[in-house]
PDB file of N, CA and C in Angstrom:
ATOM      1  N   ASN A   1      49.981 -88.622 -68.421  1.00  0.00           N
ATOM      2  CA  ASN A   1      50.431 -87.246 -68.315  1.00  0.00           C
ATOM      3  C   ASN A   1      51.557 -87.115 -67.282  1.00  0.00           C
ATOM      4  N   ILE A   2      51.437 -87.830 -66.167  1.00  0.00           N
ATOM      5  CA  ILE A   2      52.459 -87.705 -65.127  1.00  0.00           C
ATOM      6  C   ILE A   2      53.799 -88.260 -65.609  1.00  0.00           C
ATOM      7  N   ILE A   3      53.766 -89.311 -66.411  1.00  0.00           N
ATOM      8  CA  ILE A   3      55.021 -89.865 -66.940  1.00  0.00           C
ATOM      9  C   ILE A   3      55.679 -88.847 -67.863  1.00  0.00           C
ATOM     10  N   TRP A   4      54.892 -88.226 -68.712  1.00  0.00           N
ATOM     11  CA  TRP A   4      55.405 -87.180 -69.597  1.00  0.00           C
ATOM     12  C   TRP A   4      56.023 -86.046 -68.784  1.00  0.00           C
ATOM     13  N   LYS A   5      55.297 -85.576 -67.764  1.00  0.00           N
ATOM     14  CA  LYS A   5      55.808 -84.480 -66.934  1.00  0.00           C
ATOM     15  C   LYS A   5      57.120 -84.862 -66.259  1.00  0.00           C
ATOM     16  N   LYS A   6      57.170 -86.082 -65.721  1.00  0.00           N
ATOM     17  CA  LYS A   6      58.400 -86.527 -65.043  1.00  0.00           C
ATOM     18  C   LYS A   6      59.575 -86.566 -66.021  1.00  0.00           C
ATOM     19  N   GLN A   7      59.332 -87.043 -67.238  1.00  0.00           N
ATOM     20  CA  GLN A   7      60.419 -87.120 -68.209  1.00  0.00           C
ATOM     21  C   GLN A   7      60.846 -85.733 -68.679  1.00  0.00           C
ATOM     22  N   ILE A   8      59.894 -84.890 -69.031  1.00  0.00           N
ATOM     23  CA  ILE A   8      60.213 -83.579 -69.587  1.00  0.00           C
ATOM     24  C   ILE A   8      60.779 -82.622 -68.545  1.00  0.00           C
ATOM     25  N   PHE A   9      60.152 -82.579 -67.378  1.00  0.00           N
ATOM     26  CA  PHE A   9      60.507 -81.551 -66.404  1.00  0.00           C
ATOM     27  C   PHE A   9      61.386 -82.026 -65.253  1.00  0.00           C
ATOM     28  N   GLN A  10      61.434 -83.338 -65.017  1.00  0.00           N
ATOM     29  CA  GLN A  10      62.191 -83.816 -63.864  1.00  0.00           C
ATOM     30  C   GLN A  10      63.257 -84.841 -64.234  1.00  0.00           C
ATOM     31  N   GLY A  11      63.479 -85.011 -65.515  1.00  0.00           N
ATOM     32  CA  GLY A  11      64.594 -85.836 -65.961  1.00  0.00           C
ATOM     33  C   GLY A  11      64.413 -87.337 -65.845  1.00  0.00           C
ATOM     34  N   LEU A  12      63.171 -87.820 -65.846  1.00  0.00           N
ATOM     35  CA  LEU A  12      62.959 -89.267 -65.841  1.00  0.00           C
ATOM     36  C   LEU A  12      63.621 -89.862 -67.075  1.00  0.00           C
ATOM     37  N   ASP A  13      64.423 -90.880 -66.867  1.00  0.00           N
ATOM     38  CA  ASP A  13      65.127 -91.532 -67.961  1.00  0.00           C
ATOM     39  C   ASP A  13      64.123 -92.026 -69.014  1.00  0.00           C
ATOM     40  N   PRO A  14      64.388 -91.777 -70.296  1.00  0.00           N
ATOM     41  CA  PRO A  14      63.459 -92.213 -71.349  1.00  0.00           C
ATOM     42  C   PRO A  14      63.160 -93.713 -71.319  1.00  0.00           C
ATOM     43  N   LEU A  15      64.137 -94.522 -70.950  1.00  0.00           N
ATOM     44  CA  LEU A  15      63.895 -95.967 -70.866  1.00  0.00           C
ATOM     45  C   LEU A  15      62.936 -96.299 -69.727  1.00  0.00           C
ATOM     46  N   ASP A  16      63.076 -95.593 -68.607  1.00  0.00           N
ATOM     47  CA  ASP A  16      62.150 -95.793 -67.489  1.00  0.00           C
ATOM     48  C   ASP A  16      60.747 -95.318 -67.859  1.00  0.00           C
ATOM     49  N   ALA A  17      60.683 -94.220 -68.589  1.00  0.00           N
ATOM     50  CA  ALA A  17      59.381 -93.716 -69.039  1.00  0.00           C
ATOM     51  C   ALA A  17      58.722 -94.730 -69.969  1.00  0.00           C
ATOM     52  N   ASP A  18      59.500 -95.283 -70.887  1.00  0.00           N
ATOM     53  CA  ASP A  18      58.964 -96.279 -71.810  1.00  0.00           C
ATOM     54  C   ASP A  18      58.486 -97.518 -71.056  1.00  0.00           C
ATOM     55  N   LEU A  19      59.244 -97.961 -70.081  1.00  0.00           N
ATOM     56  CA  LEU A  19      58.841 -99.113 -69.272  1.00  0.00           C
ATOM     57  C   LEU A  19      57.523 -98.830 -68.554  1.00  0.00           C
ATOM     58  N   ALA A  20      57.403 -97.639 -67.992  1.00  0.00           N
ATOM     59  CA  ALA A  20      56.166 -97.261 -67.301  1.00  0.00           C
ATOM     60  C   ALA A  20      54.985 -97.260 -68.268  1.00  0.00           C
ATOM     61  N   ILE A  21      55.185 -96.746 -69.469  1.00  0.00           N
ATOM     62  CA  ILE A  21      54.120 -96.724 -70.480  1.00  0.00           C
ATOM     63  C   ILE A  21      53.725 -98.150 -70.865  1.00  0.00           C
ATOM     64  N   GLN A  22      54.717 -99.018 -71.058  1.00  0.00           N
ATOM     65  CA  GLN A  22      54.416-100.409 -71.425  1.00  0.00           C
ATOM     66  C   GLN A  22      53.625-101.112 -70.320  1.00  0.00           C
ATOM     67  N   GLU A  23      53.978-100.867 -69.069  1.00  0.00           N
ATOM     68  CA  GLU A  23      53.248-101.463 -67.947  1.00  0.00           C
ATOM     69  C   GLU A  23      51.834-100.892 -67.859  1.00  0.00           C
ATOM     70  N   PHE A  24      51.714 -99.607 -68.100  1.00  0.00           N
ATOM     71  CA  PHE A  24      50.408 -98.946 -68.053  1.00  0.00           C
ATOM     72  C   PHE A  24      49.462 -99.542 -69.095  1.00  0.00           C
ATOM     73  N   LYS A  25      49.990 -99.864 -70.264  1.00  0.00           N
ATOM     74  CA  LYS A  25      49.170-100.416 -71.340  1.00  0.00           C
ATOM     75  C   LYS A  25      48.610-101.795 -71.002  1.00  0.00           C
ATOM     76  N   LYS A  26      49.182-102.465 -70.021  1.00  0.00           N
ATOM     77  CA  LYS A  26      48.720-103.795 -69.620  1.00  0.00           C
ATOM     78  C   LYS A  26      47.489-103.740 -68.715  1.00  0.00           C
ATOM     79  N   ILE A  27      47.183-102.567 -68.203  1.00  0.00           N
ATOM     80  CA  ILE A  27      46.059-102.419 -67.282  1.00  0.00           C
ATOM     81  C   ILE A  27      44.748-102.534 -68.048  1.00  0.00           C
ATOM     82  N   SER A  28      43.841-103.296 -67.495  1.00  0.00           N
ATOM     83  CA  SER A  28      42.508-103.432 -68.085  1.00  0.00           C
ATOM     84  C   SER A  28      41.598-102.385 -67.451  1.00  0.00           C
ATOM     85  N   PHE A  29      41.011-101.536 -68.277  1.00  0.00           N
ATOM     86  CA  PHE A  29      40.184-100.448 -67.773  1.00  0.00           C
ATOM     87  C   PHE A  29      38.701-100.754 -67.911  1.00  0.00           C
ATOM     88  N   ILE A  30      37.934-100.296 -66.950  1.00  0.00           N
ATOM     89  CA  ILE A  30      36.479-100.359 -67.014  1.00  0.00           C
ATOM     90  C   ILE A  30      35.995 -98.928 -67.212  1.00  0.00           C
ATOM     91  N   ILE A  31      35.176 -98.719 -68.206  1.00  0.00           N
ATOM     92  CA  ILE A  31      34.659 -97.387 -68.504  1.00  0.00           C
ATOM     93  C   ILE A  31      33.401 -97.135 -67.675  1.00  0.00           C
ATOM     94  N   THR A  32      33.399 -96.025 -66.947  1.00  0.00           N
ATOM     95  CA  THR A  32      32.237 -95.628 -66.153  1.00  0.00           C
ATOM     96  C   THR A  32      31.643 -94.374 -66.776  1.00  0.00           C
ATOM     97  N   PRO A  33      30.393 -94.424 -67.184  1.00  0.00           N
ATOM     98  CA  PRO A  33      29.768 -93.235 -67.773  1.00  0.00           C
ATOM     99  C   PRO A  33      29.685 -92.086 -66.758  1.00  0.00           C
ATOM    100  N   ILE A  34      30.050 -90.902 -67.189  1.00  0.00           N
ATOM    101  CA  ILE A  34      30.037 -89.729 -66.314  1.00  0.00           C
ATOM    102  C   ILE A  34      28.672 -89.479 -65.676  1.00  0.00           C
ATOM    103  N   PRO A  35      27.570 -89.659 -66.385  1.00  0.00           N
ATOM    104  CA  PRO A  35      26.272 -89.376 -65.742  1.00  0.00           C
ATOM    105  C   PRO A  35      26.038 -90.140 -64.437  1.00  0.00           C
ATOM    106  N   THR A  36      26.654 -91.316 -64.296  1.00  0.00           N
ATOM    107  CA  THR A  36      26.469 -92.063 -63.048  1.00  0.00           C
ATOM    108  C   THR A  36      27.216 -91.426 -61.880  1.00  0.00           C
ATOM    109  N   LEU A  37      28.157 -90.545 -62.176  1.00  0.00           N
ATOM    110  CA  LEU A  37      28.968 -89.890 -61.141  1.00  0.00           C
ATOM    111  C   LEU A  37      28.617 -88.418 -60.963  1.00  0.00           C
ATOM    112  N   PHE A  38      27.831 -87.891 -61.875  1.00  0.00           N
ATOM    113  CA  PHE A  38      27.606 -86.450 -61.965  1.00  0.00           C
ATOM    114  C   PHE A  38      27.141 -85.828 -60.653  1.00  0.00           C
ATOM    115  N   ASP A  39      26.094 -86.371 -60.042  1.00  0.00           N
ATOM    116  CA  ASP A  39      25.538 -85.764 -58.827  1.00  0.00           C
ATOM    117  C   ASP A  39      26.547 -85.736 -57.687  1.00  0.00           C
ATOM    118  N   ASP A  40      27.194 -86.872 -57.442  1.00  0.00           N
ATOM    119  CA  ASP A  40      28.182 -86.930 -56.358  1.00  0.00           C
ATOM    120  C   ASP A  40      29.371 -86.017 -56.643  1.00  0.00           C
ATOM    121  N   ALA A  41      29.835 -86.020 -57.880  1.00  0.00           N
ATOM    122  CA  ALA A  41      30.972 -85.171 -58.240  1.00  0.00           C
ATOM    123  C   ALA A  41      30.630 -83.698 -58.081  1.00  0.00           C
ATOM    124  N   TYR A  42      29.435 -83.329 -58.471  1.00  0.00           N
ATOM    125  CA  TYR A  42      29.048 -81.926 -58.349  1.00  0.00           C
ATOM    126  C   TYR A  42      28.954 -81.510 -56.878  1.00  0.00           C
ATOM    127  N   ARG A  43      28.402 -82.382 -56.041  1.00  0.00           N
ATOM    128  CA  ARG A  43      28.333 -82.073 -54.599  1.00  0.00           C
ATOM    129  C   ARG A  43      29.732 -81.891 -54.010  1.00  0.00           C
ATOM    130  N   ILE A  44      30.642 -82.763 -54.396  1.00  0.00           N
ATOM    131  CA  ILE A  44      32.027 -82.655 -53.921  1.00  0.00           C
ATOM    132  C   ILE A  44      32.639 -81.343 -54.403  1.00  0.00           C
ATOM    133  N   ALA A  45      32.468 -81.033 -55.671  1.00  0.00           N
ATOM    134  CA  ALA A  45      33.044 -79.813 -56.248  1.00  0.00           C
ATOM    135  C   ALA A  45      32.557 -78.565 -55.525  1.00  0.00           C
ATOM    136  N   VAL A  46      31.267 -78.513 -55.242  1.00  0.00           N
ATOM    137  CA  VAL A  46      30.699 -77.337 -54.572  1.00  0.00           C
ATOM    138  C   VAL A  46      31.144 -77.277 -53.115  1.00  0.00           C
ATOM    139  N   LYS A  47      31.021 -78.392 -52.406  1.00  0.00           N
ATOM    140  CA  LYS A  47      31.349 -78.402 -50.975  1.00  0.00           C
ATOM    141  C   LYS A  47      32.807 -78.035 -50.709  1.00  0.00           C
ATOM    142  N   TYR A  48      33.721 -78.572 -51.517  1.00  0.00           N
ATOM    143  CA  TYR A  48      35.150 -78.371 -51.267  1.00  0.00           C
ATOM    144  C   TYR A  48      35.775 -77.319 -52.181  1.00  0.00           C
ATOM    145  N   LYS A  49      34.937 -76.708 -53.032  1.00  0.00           N
ATOM    146  CA  LYS A  49      35.420 -75.671 -53.957  1.00  0.00           C
ATOM    147  C   LYS A  49      36.575 -76.192 -54.821  1.00  0.00           C
ATOM    148  N   ARG A  50      36.358 -77.354 -55.386  1.00  0.00           N
ATOM    149  CA  ARG A  50      37.327 -78.007 -56.268  1.00  0.00           C
ATOM    150  C   ARG A  50      36.720 -78.094 -57.663  1.00  0.00           C
ATOM    151  N   THR A  51      37.536 -78.354 -58.656  1.00  0.00           N
ATOM    152  CA  THR A  51      37.003 -78.453 -60.015  1.00  0.00           C
ATOM    153  C   THR A  51      36.109 -79.681 -60.153  1.00  0.00           C
ATOM    154  N   PHE A  52      35.135 -79.568 -61.024  1.00  0.00           N
ATOM    155  CA  PHE A  52      34.255 -80.698 -61.307  1.00  0.00           C
ATOM    156  C   PHE A  52      35.065 -81.863 -61.872  1.00  0.00           C
ATOM    157  N   TYR A  53      36.028 -81.533 -62.716  1.00  0.00           N
ATOM    158  CA  TYR A  53      36.893 -82.546 -63.332  1.00  0.00           C
ATOM    159  C   TYR A  53      37.582 -83.394 -62.262  1.00  0.00           C
ATOM    160  N   ASP A  54      38.254 -82.758 -61.309  1.00  0.00           N
ATOM    161  CA  ASP A  54      38.926 -83.489 -60.229  1.00  0.00           C
ATOM    162  C   ASP A  54      37.921 -84.237 -59.364  1.00  0.00           C
ATOM    163  N   SER A  55      36.782 -83.618 -59.138  1.00  0.00           N
ATOM    164  CA  SER A  55      35.753 -84.224 -58.295  1.00  0.00           C
ATOM    165  C   SER A  55      35.161 -85.478 -58.926  1.00  0.00           C
ATOM    166  N   LEU A  56      35.154 -85.549 -60.246  1.00  0.00           N
ATOM    167  CA  LEU A  56      34.696 -86.774 -60.918  1.00  0.00           C
ATOM    168  C   LEU A  56      35.583 -87.958 -60.554  1.00  0.00           C
ATOM    169  N   TYR A  57      36.880 -87.742 -60.553  1.00  0.00           N
ATOM    170  CA  TYR A  57      37.799 -88.823 -60.196  1.00  0.00           C
ATOM    171  C   TYR A  57      37.601 -89.257 -58.748  1.00  0.00           C
ATOM    172  N   LEU A  58      37.411 -88.295 -57.876  1.00  0.00           N
ATOM    173  CA  LEU A  58      37.182 -88.628 -56.473  1.00  0.00           C
ATOM    174  C   LEU A  58      35.868 -89.385 -56.312  1.00  0.00           C
ATOM    175  N   ALA A  59      34.821 -88.938 -56.974  1.00  0.00           N
ATOM    176  CA  ALA A  59      33.525 -89.625 -56.902  1.00  0.00           C
ATOM    177  C   ALA A  59      33.648 -91.060 -57.414  1.00  0.00           C
ATOM    178  N   LEU A  60      34.430 -91.266 -58.448  1.00  0.00           N
ATOM    179  CA  LEU A  60      34.640 -92.618 -58.964  1.00  0.00           C
ATOM    180  C   LEU A  60      35.357 -93.485 -57.937  1.00  0.00           C
ATOM    181  N   SER A  61      36.361 -92.937 -57.281  1.00  0.00           N
ATOM    182  CA  SER A  61      37.080 -93.732 -56.280  1.00  0.00           C
ATOM    183  C   SER A  61      36.172 -94.102 -55.112  1.00  0.00           C
ATOM    184  N   VAL A  62      35.276 -93.201 -54.743  1.00  0.00           N
ATOM    185  CA  VAL A  62      34.314 -93.503 -53.677  1.00  0.00           C
ATOM    186  C   VAL A  62      33.364 -94.606 -54.147  1.00  0.00           C
ATOM    187  N   LYS A  63      32.855 -94.472 -55.364  1.00  0.00           N
ATOM    188  CA  LYS A  63      31.932 -95.473 -55.917  1.00  0.00           C
ATOM    189  C   LYS A  63      32.578 -96.847 -55.971  1.00  0.00           C
ATOM    190  N   GLU A  64      33.840 -96.897 -56.349  1.00  0.00           N
ATOM    191  CA  GLU A  64      34.555 -98.166 -56.494  1.00  0.00           C
ATOM    192  C   GLU A  64      35.229 -98.612 -55.195  1.00  0.00           C
ATOM    193  N   ASN A  65      35.145 -97.780 -54.155  1.00  0.00           N
ATOM    194  CA  ASN A  65      35.753 -98.083 -52.857  1.00  0.00           C
ATOM    195  C   ASN A  65      37.244 -98.409 -53.003  1.00  0.00           C
ATOM    196  N   CYS A  66      37.943 -97.524 -53.693  1.00  0.00           N
ATOM    197  CA  CYS A  66      39.368 -97.742 -53.907  1.00  0.00           C
ATOM    198  C   CYS A  66      40.152 -96.478 -53.556  1.00  0.00           C
ATOM    199  N   ALA A  67      41.451 -96.645 -53.443  1.00  0.00           N
ATOM    200  CA  ALA A  67      42.320 -95.508 -53.151  1.00  0.00           C
ATOM    201  C   ALA A  67      42.315 -94.533 -54.329  1.00  0.00           C
ATOM    202  N   PHE A  68      42.526 -93.278 -54.012  1.00  0.00           N
ATOM    203  CA  PHE A  68      42.611 -92.225 -55.021  1.00  0.00           C
ATOM    204  C   PHE A  68      43.958 -91.546 -54.843  1.00  0.00           C
ATOM    205  N   VAL A  69      44.834 -91.690 -55.825  1.00  0.00           N
ATOM    206  CA  VAL A  69      46.176 -91.122 -55.761  1.00  0.00           C
ATOM    207  C   VAL A  69      46.192 -89.846 -56.584  1.00  0.00           C
ATOM    208  N   THR A  70      46.675 -88.767 -55.975  1.00  0.00           N
ATOM    209  CA  THR A  70      46.735 -87.480 -56.662  1.00  0.00           C
ATOM    210  C   THR A  70      48.083 -86.811 -56.412  1.00  0.00           C
ATOM    211  N   ALA A  71      48.541 -86.069 -57.394  1.00  0.00           N
ATOM    212  CA  ALA A  71      49.745 -85.256 -57.238  1.00  0.00           C
ATOM    213  C   ALA A  71      49.387 -83.828 -56.842  1.00  0.00           C
ATOM    214  N   ASP A  72      48.100 -83.531 -56.822  1.00  0.00           N
ATOM    215  CA  ASP A  72      47.603 -82.186 -56.532  1.00  0.00           C
ATOM    216  C   ASP A  72      47.496 -81.983 -55.019  1.00  0.00           C
ATOM    217  N   GLU A  73      48.505 -81.343 -54.454  1.00  0.00           N
ATOM    218  CA  GLU A  73      48.570 -81.173 -53.000  1.00  0.00           C
ATOM    219  C   GLU A  73      47.434 -80.300 -52.464  1.00  0.00           C
ATOM    220  N   LYS A  74      47.032 -79.287 -53.213  1.00  0.00           N
ATOM    221  CA  LYS A  74      45.917 -78.440 -52.767  1.00  0.00           C
ATOM    222  C   LYS A  74      44.620 -79.247 -52.708  1.00  0.00           C
ATOM    223  N   PHE A  75      44.385 -80.061 -53.713  1.00  0.00           N
ATOM    224  CA  PHE A  75      43.199 -80.920 -53.732  1.00  0.00           C
ATOM    225  C   PHE A  75      43.244 -81.893 -52.553  1.00  0.00           C
ATOM    226  N   TYR A  76      44.382 -82.523 -52.383  1.00  0.00           N
ATOM    227  CA  TYR A  76      44.586 -83.477 -51.287  1.00  0.00           C
ATOM    228  C   TYR A  76      44.286 -82.829 -49.937  1.00  0.00           C
ATOM    229  N   ASN A  77      44.862 -81.678 -49.685  1.00  0.00           N
ATOM    230  CA  ASN A  77      44.666 -80.999 -48.399  1.00  0.00           C
ATOM    231  C   ASN A  77      43.224 -80.558 -48.185  1.00  0.00           C
ATOM    232  N   ALA A  78      42.538 -80.218 -49.250  1.00  0.00           N
ATOM    233  CA  ALA A  78      41.159 -79.738 -49.137  1.00  0.00           C
ATOM    234  C   ALA A  78      40.183 -80.849 -48.766  1.00  0.00           C
ATOM    235  N   ILE A  79      40.471 -82.079 -49.175  1.00  0.00           N
ATOM    236  CA  ILE A  79      39.471 -83.137 -48.992  1.00  0.00           C
ATOM    237  C   ILE A  79      39.899 -84.299 -48.108  1.00  0.00           C
ATOM    238  N   ARG A  80      41.154 -84.379 -47.747  1.00  0.00           N
ATOM    239  CA  ARG A  80      41.658 -85.585 -47.081  1.00  0.00           C
ATOM    240  C   ARG A  80      40.949 -85.926 -45.779  1.00  0.00           C
ATOM    241  N   GLN A  81      40.471 -84.934 -45.055  1.00  0.00           N
ATOM    242  CA  GLN A  81      39.803 -85.197 -43.784  1.00  0.00           C
ATOM    243  C   GLN A  81      38.536 -86.039 -43.979  1.00  0.00           C
ATOM    244  N   ASP A  82      37.815 -85.791 -45.048  1.00  0.00           N
ATOM    245  CA  ASP A  82      36.557 -86.503 -45.291  1.00  0.00           C
ATOM    246  C   ASP A  82      36.702 -87.703 -46.228  1.00  0.00           C
ATOM    247  N   PHE A  83      37.852 -87.833 -46.866  1.00  0.00           N
ATOM    248  CA  PHE A  83      38.079 -88.933 -47.804  1.00  0.00           C
ATOM    249  C   PHE A  83      39.410 -89.612 -47.458  1.00  0.00           C
ATOM    250  N   PRO A  84      39.400 -90.506 -46.481  1.00  0.00           N
ATOM    251  CA  PRO A  84      40.648 -91.093 -45.988  1.00  0.00           C
ATOM    252  C   PRO A  84      41.389 -91.975 -46.993  1.00  0.00           C
ATOM    253  N   LYS A  85      40.745 -92.340 -48.093  1.00  0.00           N
ATOM    254  CA  LYS A  85      41.424 -93.184 -49.077  1.00  0.00           C
ATOM    255  C   LYS A  85      42.202 -92.379 -50.109  1.00  0.00           C
ATOM    256  N   ILE A  86      42.262 -91.065 -49.929  1.00  0.00           N
ATOM    257  CA  ILE A  86      43.067 -90.256 -50.843  1.00  0.00           C
ATOM    258  C   ILE A  86      44.529 -90.346 -50.409  1.00  0.00           C
ATOM    259  N   ILE A  87      45.402 -90.465 -51.389  1.00  0.00           N
ATOM    260  CA  ILE A  87      46.834 -90.595 -51.129  1.00  0.00           C
ATOM    261  C   ILE A  87      47.563 -89.566 -51.985  1.00  0.00           C
ATOM    262  N   LEU A  88      48.444 -88.825 -51.364  1.00  0.00           N
ATOM    263  CA  LEU A  88      49.280 -87.884 -52.104  1.00  0.00           C
ATOM    264  C   LEU A  88      50.363 -88.686 -52.827  1.00  0.00           C
ATOM    265  N   LEU A  89      50.537 -88.434 -54.105  1.00  0.00           N
ATOM    266  CA  LEU A  89      51.493 -89.191 -54.911  1.00  0.00           C
ATOM    267  C   LEU A  89      52.874 -89.234 -54.262  1.00  0.00           C
ATOM    268  N   ALA A  90      53.298 -88.134 -53.659  1.00  0.00           N
ATOM    269  CA  ALA A  90      54.610 -88.081 -53.015  1.00  0.00           C
ATOM    270  C   ALA A  90      54.724 -89.090 -51.868  1.00  0.00           C
ATOM    271  N   ASN A  91      53.586 -89.515 -51.308  1.00  0.00           N
ATOM    272  CA  ASN A  91      53.583 -90.470 -50.192  1.00  0.00           C
ATOM    273  C   ASN A  91      53.213 -91.887 -50.617  1.00  0.00           C
ATOM    274  N   TRP A  92      52.951 -92.077 -51.894  1.00  0.00           N
ATOM    275  CA  TRP A  92      52.489 -93.376 -52.398  1.00  0.00           C
ATOM    276  C   TRP A  92      53.666 -94.326 -52.552  1.00  0.00           C
ATOM    277  N   HIS A  93      53.470 -95.541 -52.109  1.00  0.00           N
ATOM    278  CA  HIS A  93      54.556 -96.542 -52.198  1.00  0.00           C
ATOM    279  C   HIS A  93      54.146 -97.654 -53.122  1.00  0.00           C
TER     280      HIS A  93
END
């Protein structure tokens, strides 16, 4: 979705977008069933008044002990104090 947004709204060159899509397709994904994240995600959503959808991604990053990159500045600001592995996309290198 972010590649689409960058191309449509911010002028990302179509060739660069295609390259990003091709690289993305090389990533091997592990599927995590939502029920394993439900309780933690719901607690996060309620405590920080964030959407359950966004909180699922955060709960997954905590479970996997990995960085969580987001373009959502409001979400980032709401939780960054308690979740130091969150990275704002604008600051990601």
